[in-house]
N, C-alpha and C. Protein backbone atom coordinates (compact mmCIF):
# COMPACT_ATOMS: atom_id res chain seq x y z
N MET A 1 0.84 -1.18 0.00
CA MET A 1 0.00 0.00 0.00
C MET A 1 0.88 1.24 0.00
N SER A 2 0.60 2.16 -0.86
CA SER A 2 1.32 3.43 -0.83
C SER A 2 0.45 4.44 -0.12
N GLY A 3 1.08 5.30 0.64
CA GLY A 3 0.34 6.28 1.41
C GLY A 3 0.63 6.09 2.89
N ALA A 4 0.22 7.04 3.68
CA ALA A 4 0.46 6.98 5.11
C ALA A 4 -0.87 6.99 5.84
N ALA A 5 -0.91 6.33 6.97
CA ALA A 5 -2.13 6.30 7.77
C ALA A 5 -1.84 6.84 9.16
N THR A 6 -2.80 7.52 9.72
CA THR A 6 -2.68 8.05 11.08
C THR A 6 -3.97 7.74 11.82
N GLY A 7 -3.85 7.28 13.05
CA GLY A 7 -5.03 7.01 13.87
C GLY A 7 -5.59 5.62 13.69
N GLY A 8 -4.91 4.79 12.92
CA GLY A 8 -5.39 3.44 12.69
C GLY A 8 -4.39 2.63 11.91
N VAL A 9 -4.73 1.38 11.69
CA VAL A 9 -3.88 0.46 10.93
C VAL A 9 -4.57 0.18 9.60
N VAL A 10 -3.86 0.41 8.49
CA VAL A 10 -4.43 0.19 7.16
C VAL A 10 -4.00 -1.18 6.67
N SER A 11 -4.97 -1.94 6.15
CA SER A 11 -4.64 -3.24 5.57
C SER A 11 -5.36 -3.40 4.23
N ASP A 12 -4.74 -4.17 3.33
CA ASP A 12 -5.38 -4.50 2.06
C ASP A 12 -6.40 -5.59 2.34
N VAL A 13 -7.57 -5.47 1.74
CA VAL A 13 -8.60 -6.50 1.90
C VAL A 13 -9.10 -6.94 0.53
N ALA A 14 -9.48 -8.19 0.41
CA ALA A 14 -9.97 -8.72 -0.86
C ALA A 14 -11.49 -8.62 -0.96
N SER A 15 -12.16 -8.35 0.17
CA SER A 15 -13.62 -8.25 0.16
C SER A 15 -14.07 -7.36 1.30
N PRO A 16 -14.99 -6.46 1.10
CA PRO A 16 -15.60 -6.12 -0.19
C PRO A 16 -14.70 -5.18 -0.99
N VAL A 17 -14.76 -5.30 -2.29
CA VAL A 17 -14.03 -4.40 -3.18
C VAL A 17 -15.01 -3.85 -4.21
N PRO A 18 -14.76 -2.64 -4.71
CA PRO A 18 -15.63 -2.08 -5.74
C PRO A 18 -15.61 -2.94 -7.01
N THR A 19 -16.68 -2.93 -7.76
CA THR A 19 -16.75 -3.68 -9.01
C THR A 19 -15.61 -3.30 -9.93
N GLY A 20 -14.92 -4.30 -10.45
CA GLY A 20 -13.82 -4.08 -11.37
C GLY A 20 -12.48 -3.87 -10.70
N LYS A 21 -12.44 -3.86 -9.37
CA LYS A 21 -11.19 -3.68 -8.64
C LYS A 21 -10.79 -4.99 -7.97
N THR A 22 -9.52 -5.11 -7.62
CA THR A 22 -9.04 -6.34 -7.00
C THR A 22 -8.64 -6.16 -5.54
N VAL A 23 -8.56 -4.91 -5.10
CA VAL A 23 -8.15 -4.67 -3.71
C VAL A 23 -8.88 -3.45 -3.16
N ALA A 24 -9.03 -3.43 -1.86
CA ALA A 24 -9.58 -2.27 -1.16
C ALA A 24 -8.74 -2.10 0.10
N TYR A 25 -8.89 -0.98 0.75
CA TYR A 25 -8.14 -0.71 1.97
C TYR A 25 -9.09 -0.53 3.13
N LYS A 26 -8.73 -1.08 4.26
CA LYS A 26 -9.56 -0.98 5.46
C LYS A 26 -8.72 -0.38 6.57
N ILE A 27 -9.28 0.58 7.29
CA ILE A 27 -8.59 1.18 8.42
C ILE A 27 -9.23 0.67 9.70
N ALA A 28 -8.42 0.01 10.53
CA ALA A 28 -8.87 -0.41 11.85
C ALA A 28 -8.50 0.71 12.81
N LEU A 29 -9.50 1.36 13.38
CA LEU A 29 -9.26 2.51 14.25
C LEU A 29 -8.51 2.11 15.52
N GLU A 30 -7.60 2.97 15.94
CA GLU A 30 -6.89 2.77 17.21
C GLU A 30 -7.76 3.21 18.38
N SER A 31 -8.68 4.15 18.13
CA SER A 31 -9.56 4.66 19.18
C SER A 31 -10.86 5.15 18.54
N ALA A 32 -11.97 4.85 19.17
CA ALA A 32 -13.26 5.33 18.67
C ALA A 32 -13.43 6.82 18.91
N ALA A 33 -12.57 7.39 19.74
CA ALA A 33 -12.69 8.81 20.09
C ALA A 33 -11.92 9.72 19.12
N PHE A 34 -11.07 9.14 18.25
CA PHE A 34 -10.25 9.95 17.35
C PHE A 34 -10.40 9.46 15.92
N PRO A 35 -10.39 10.39 14.97
CA PRO A 35 -10.49 9.99 13.56
C PRO A 35 -9.19 9.36 13.06
N ALA A 36 -9.30 8.64 11.99
CA ALA A 36 -8.12 8.08 11.33
C ALA A 36 -8.16 8.52 9.87
N PHE A 37 -7.00 8.61 9.26
CA PHE A 37 -6.99 8.99 7.85
C PHE A 37 -5.80 8.37 7.14
N MET A 38 -5.94 8.28 5.82
CA MET A 38 -4.89 7.76 4.95
C MET A 38 -4.56 8.84 3.95
N GLN A 39 -3.29 9.06 3.71
CA GLN A 39 -2.86 10.09 2.77
C GLN A 39 -2.21 9.46 1.55
N ARG A 40 -2.45 10.07 0.41
CA ARG A 40 -1.77 9.72 -0.84
C ARG A 40 -1.34 11.02 -1.49
N GLN A 41 -0.12 11.04 -1.93
CA GLN A 41 0.39 12.25 -2.58
C GLN A 41 0.29 12.07 -4.09
N VAL A 42 -0.34 13.05 -4.74
CA VAL A 42 -0.55 13.01 -6.18
C VAL A 42 -0.14 14.36 -6.74
N TYR A 43 0.59 14.35 -7.84
CA TYR A 43 0.98 15.60 -8.50
C TYR A 43 0.13 15.78 -9.75
N VAL A 44 -0.37 17.00 -9.92
CA VAL A 44 -1.19 17.34 -11.08
C VAL A 44 -0.54 18.54 -11.74
N GLU A 45 -0.27 18.41 -13.02
CA GLU A 45 0.34 19.51 -13.77
C GLU A 45 -0.62 20.70 -13.83
N ALA A 46 -0.06 21.88 -13.93
CA ALA A 46 -0.88 23.09 -14.04
C ALA A 46 -1.83 22.96 -15.23
N GLY A 47 -3.08 23.29 -15.01
CA GLY A 47 -4.08 23.23 -16.06
C GLY A 47 -4.69 21.84 -16.26
N ALA A 48 -4.17 20.83 -15.56
CA ALA A 48 -4.70 19.47 -15.69
C ALA A 48 -5.79 19.24 -14.65
N TYR A 49 -6.45 18.11 -14.73
CA TYR A 49 -7.54 17.76 -13.83
C TYR A 49 -7.19 16.52 -13.03
N LEU A 50 -7.80 16.41 -11.87
CA LEU A 50 -7.70 15.22 -11.04
C LEU A 50 -9.09 14.66 -10.84
N GLU A 51 -9.29 13.40 -11.22
CA GLU A 51 -10.55 12.73 -10.98
C GLU A 51 -10.31 11.68 -9.91
N ALA A 52 -11.13 11.67 -8.88
CA ALA A 52 -10.98 10.70 -7.81
C ALA A 52 -12.28 9.91 -7.68
N TYR A 53 -12.21 8.63 -7.93
CA TYR A 53 -13.36 7.75 -7.76
C TYR A 53 -13.17 7.00 -6.45
N VAL A 54 -14.09 7.20 -5.52
CA VAL A 54 -13.93 6.67 -4.17
C VAL A 54 -15.20 5.95 -3.75
N ASN A 55 -15.02 4.79 -3.14
CA ASN A 55 -16.13 4.05 -2.53
C ASN A 55 -15.86 4.00 -1.04
N LEU A 56 -16.81 4.46 -0.25
CA LEU A 56 -16.65 4.46 1.21
C LEU A 56 -17.69 3.55 1.83
N TYR A 57 -17.26 2.77 2.79
CA TYR A 57 -18.16 1.89 3.53
C TYR A 57 -17.89 2.05 5.02
N LYS A 58 -18.89 1.82 5.81
CA LYS A 58 -18.69 1.77 7.26
C LYS A 58 -19.29 0.46 7.75
N ASP A 59 -18.69 -0.10 8.79
CA ASP A 59 -19.20 -1.37 9.29
C ASP A 59 -19.59 -1.30 10.76
N ALA A 60 -19.76 -0.09 11.27
CA ALA A 60 -20.17 0.10 12.66
C ALA A 60 -20.93 1.42 12.76
N SER A 61 -21.61 1.61 13.86
CA SER A 61 -22.27 2.88 14.10
C SER A 61 -21.20 3.94 14.33
N MET A 62 -21.25 5.02 13.56
CA MET A 62 -20.21 6.04 13.63
C MET A 62 -20.84 7.42 13.72
N ALA A 63 -20.39 8.22 14.66
CA ALA A 63 -20.87 9.60 14.77
C ALA A 63 -20.27 10.45 13.66
N TYR A 64 -19.01 10.18 13.29
CA TYR A 64 -18.31 10.91 12.25
C TYR A 64 -18.18 9.98 11.05
N LEU A 65 -19.02 10.18 10.05
CA LEU A 65 -19.07 9.28 8.91
C LEU A 65 -17.83 9.38 8.04
N PRO A 66 -17.49 8.30 7.33
CA PRO A 66 -16.33 8.33 6.42
C PRO A 66 -16.50 9.43 5.38
N ARG A 67 -15.39 10.02 4.97
CA ARG A 67 -15.42 11.06 3.96
C ARG A 67 -14.08 11.14 3.25
N VAL A 68 -14.08 11.84 2.14
CA VAL A 68 -12.87 12.06 1.35
C VAL A 68 -12.62 13.55 1.31
N GLN A 69 -11.38 13.94 1.54
CA GLN A 69 -10.99 15.34 1.42
C GLN A 69 -9.76 15.42 0.53
N ILE A 70 -9.80 16.32 -0.43
CA ILE A 70 -8.64 16.57 -1.28
C ILE A 70 -8.04 17.87 -0.80
N VAL A 71 -6.78 17.81 -0.37
CA VAL A 71 -6.13 18.94 0.27
C VAL A 71 -4.89 19.34 -0.51
N ASP A 72 -4.73 20.62 -0.73
CA ASP A 72 -3.52 21.17 -1.35
C ASP A 72 -2.36 20.98 -0.38
N ALA A 73 -1.31 20.29 -0.80
CA ALA A 73 -0.17 20.02 0.08
C ALA A 73 0.50 21.30 0.57
N PHE A 74 0.33 22.39 -0.17
CA PHE A 74 0.94 23.66 0.23
C PHE A 74 0.04 24.46 1.17
N ALA A 75 -1.17 23.95 1.42
CA ALA A 75 -2.10 24.63 2.33
C ALA A 75 -2.81 23.60 3.19
N ASP A 76 -2.08 22.61 3.65
CA ASP A 76 -2.65 21.52 4.45
C ASP A 76 -3.05 22.03 5.83
N PRO A 77 -4.34 21.98 6.19
CA PRO A 77 -4.77 22.50 7.48
C PRO A 77 -4.30 21.65 8.66
N LEU A 78 -3.82 20.43 8.41
CA LEU A 78 -3.35 19.55 9.48
C LEU A 78 -1.89 19.80 9.85
N VAL A 79 -1.20 20.61 9.06
CA VAL A 79 0.21 20.87 9.30
C VAL A 79 0.40 22.35 9.61
N ALA A 80 1.05 22.63 10.72
CA ALA A 80 1.33 24.02 11.09
C ALA A 80 2.36 24.59 10.12
N PRO A 81 2.20 25.84 9.69
CA PRO A 81 3.16 26.44 8.74
C PRO A 81 4.62 26.35 9.20
N ALA A 82 4.86 26.45 10.49
CA ALA A 82 6.25 26.41 10.98
C ALA A 82 6.89 25.03 10.82
N THR A 83 6.07 23.97 10.73
CA THR A 83 6.62 22.62 10.63
C THR A 83 6.34 21.98 9.28
N ARG A 84 5.75 22.71 8.37
CA ARG A 84 5.38 22.16 7.06
C ARG A 84 6.62 21.72 6.28
N ARG A 85 6.54 20.55 5.71
CA ARG A 85 7.59 20.06 4.83
C ARG A 85 7.03 20.09 3.41
N TRP A 86 7.71 20.78 2.54
CA TRP A 86 7.22 20.92 1.18
C TRP A 86 7.47 19.62 0.42
N PRO A 87 6.52 19.20 -0.40
CA PRO A 87 6.71 17.98 -1.17
C PRO A 87 7.89 18.10 -2.12
N ARG A 88 8.62 17.02 -2.25
CA ARG A 88 9.73 16.99 -3.22
C ARG A 88 9.16 16.60 -4.57
N ARG A 89 9.68 17.21 -5.59
CA ARG A 89 9.20 16.90 -6.94
C ARG A 89 10.31 16.29 -7.77
């Protein structure tokens, strides 16, 4: 798996997977009180588009439902400006 996870353990699973796919990722939360997330770094050339097809499932009662957020690495709200590390290209 490429990407980083925080707040849980990410594992590849063979079921359930979206139609036409062979793998999916499941995050086992470390705590029900804190969110978990997985990051993937993608570079998009100026003027180009990014299409993200995402299937989200939940298997328990959750107050904070699963979601997808696309964040500009240069304006990441989870990283303080003083500690931000700029992506290498």
